[in-house]
Amino acid sequence: MAQFVAVPPERIEAASLQGLLEEFASRDGTDYGELEFTLADKVGQLLEQLRRGDLKILYDLDSQQWDLLPREEADLILHP
């Protein structure tokens, strides 16, 4: 079974966090609605959601992969 930990964004070096958010924002299937946004706009939106606590960064210790999840979904994984 996967073991996840939440990673506070302030614990990630700025350039690494930027790269993480850019990678997430450019994933196929990431939907921002009908409006078109630049990559910088998307990254800014994600960063703001992280700062508000609406999103969490989860890291899977087994697979050594990460993902961004809505707070409610992340909390269910972290505290089943």
Protein backbone atom coordinates (compact mmCIF):
# COMPACT_ATOMS: atom_id res chain seq x y z
CA MET A 1 0.00 0.00 0.00
CA ALA A 2 1.25 3.47 -0.89
CA GLN A 3 2.54 5.67 1.88
CA PHE A 4 1.92 9.38 1.30
CA VAL A 5 3.24 12.46 3.05
CA ALA A 6 2.10 16.04 2.63
CA VAL A 7 4.87 18.40 1.58
CA PRO A 8 4.37 22.04 2.56
CA PRO A 9 5.18 24.26 -0.43
CA GLU A 10 7.40 26.48 1.71
CA ARG A 11 9.68 23.46 2.28
CA ILE A 12 10.42 23.24 -1.46
CA GLU A 13 13.12 25.44 -3.02
CA ALA A 14 11.52 28.15 -5.18
CA ALA A 15 12.92 26.94 -8.53
CA SER A 16 11.89 23.35 -7.78
CA LEU A 17 8.38 24.43 -6.79
CA GLN A 18 8.13 26.46 -9.99
CA GLY A 19 9.12 23.42 -12.05
CA LEU A 20 6.70 21.18 -10.17
CA LEU A 21 3.83 23.59 -10.77
CA GLU A 22 4.74 24.07 -14.45
CA GLU A 23 4.84 20.31 -14.97
CA PHE A 24 1.45 19.88 -13.30
CA ALA A 25 -0.13 22.78 -15.21
CA SER A 26 1.04 21.37 -18.54
CA ARG A 27 -0.23 17.82 -17.97
CA ASP A 28 -2.71 16.50 -20.49
CA GLY A 29 -6.21 16.59 -19.08
CA THR A 30 -5.60 19.47 -16.68
CA ASP A 31 -8.77 21.51 -17.16
CA TYR A 32 -9.02 25.21 -16.44
CA GLY A 33 -12.46 25.67 -18.00
CA GLU A 34 -13.39 27.48 -21.18
CA LEU A 35 -10.93 30.34 -20.76
CA GLU A 36 -7.40 30.04 -22.09
CA PHE A 37 -4.60 30.79 -19.63
CA THR A 38 -0.87 31.07 -20.14
CA LEU A 39 1.40 28.67 -18.31
CA ALA A 40 2.40 31.53 -16.01
CA ASP A 41 -1.28 32.22 -15.25
CA LYS A 42 -1.88 28.55 -14.44
CA VAL A 43 1.19 28.37 -12.21
CA GLY A 44 0.08 31.52 -10.41
CA GLN A 45 -3.37 30.05 -9.80
CA LEU A 46 -1.89 26.82 -8.46
CA LEU A 47 0.51 28.70 -6.19
CA GLU A 48 -2.33 30.77 -4.76
CA GLN A 49 -4.39 27.63 -4.12
CA LEU A 50 -1.41 26.08 -2.31
CA ARG A 51 -0.96 29.20 -0.18
CA ARG A 52 -4.66 29.20 0.76
CA GLY A 53 -4.50 25.51 1.61
CA ASP A 54 -7.00 24.54 -1.09
CA LEU A 55 -4.41 22.25 -2.70
CA LYS A 56 -1.83 19.96 -1.13
CA ILE A 57 1.32 18.43 -2.49
CA LEU A 58 1.44 14.72 -1.71
CA TYR A 59 4.54 12.60 -2.14
CA ASP A 60 4.34 8.82 -2.44
CA LEU A 61 7.30 7.37 -0.55
CA ASP A 62 7.00 4.02 -2.33
CA SER A 63 6.89 5.19 -5.95
CA GLN A 64 8.78 8.45 -5.27
CA GLN A 65 6.17 10.38 -7.25
CA TRP A 66 4.20 13.47 -6.29
CA ASP A 67 0.82 14.95 -7.12
CA LEU A 68 -1.29 18.00 -6.34
CA LEU A 69 -4.67 17.22 -4.87
CA PRO A 70 -7.58 19.21 -3.53
CA ARG A 71 -7.33 19.50 0.26
CA GLU A 72 -10.37 17.29 0.91
CA GLU A 73 -9.07 14.49 -1.32
CA ALA A 74 -5.56 14.72 0.14
CA ASP A 75 -6.94 14.60 3.69
CA LEU A 76 -8.84 11.40 2.88
CA ILE A 77 -5.64 9.78 1.63
CA LEU A 78 -3.55 11.01 4.56
CA HIS A 79 -6.16 10.22 7.23
CA PRO A 80 -8.37 7.38 5.98
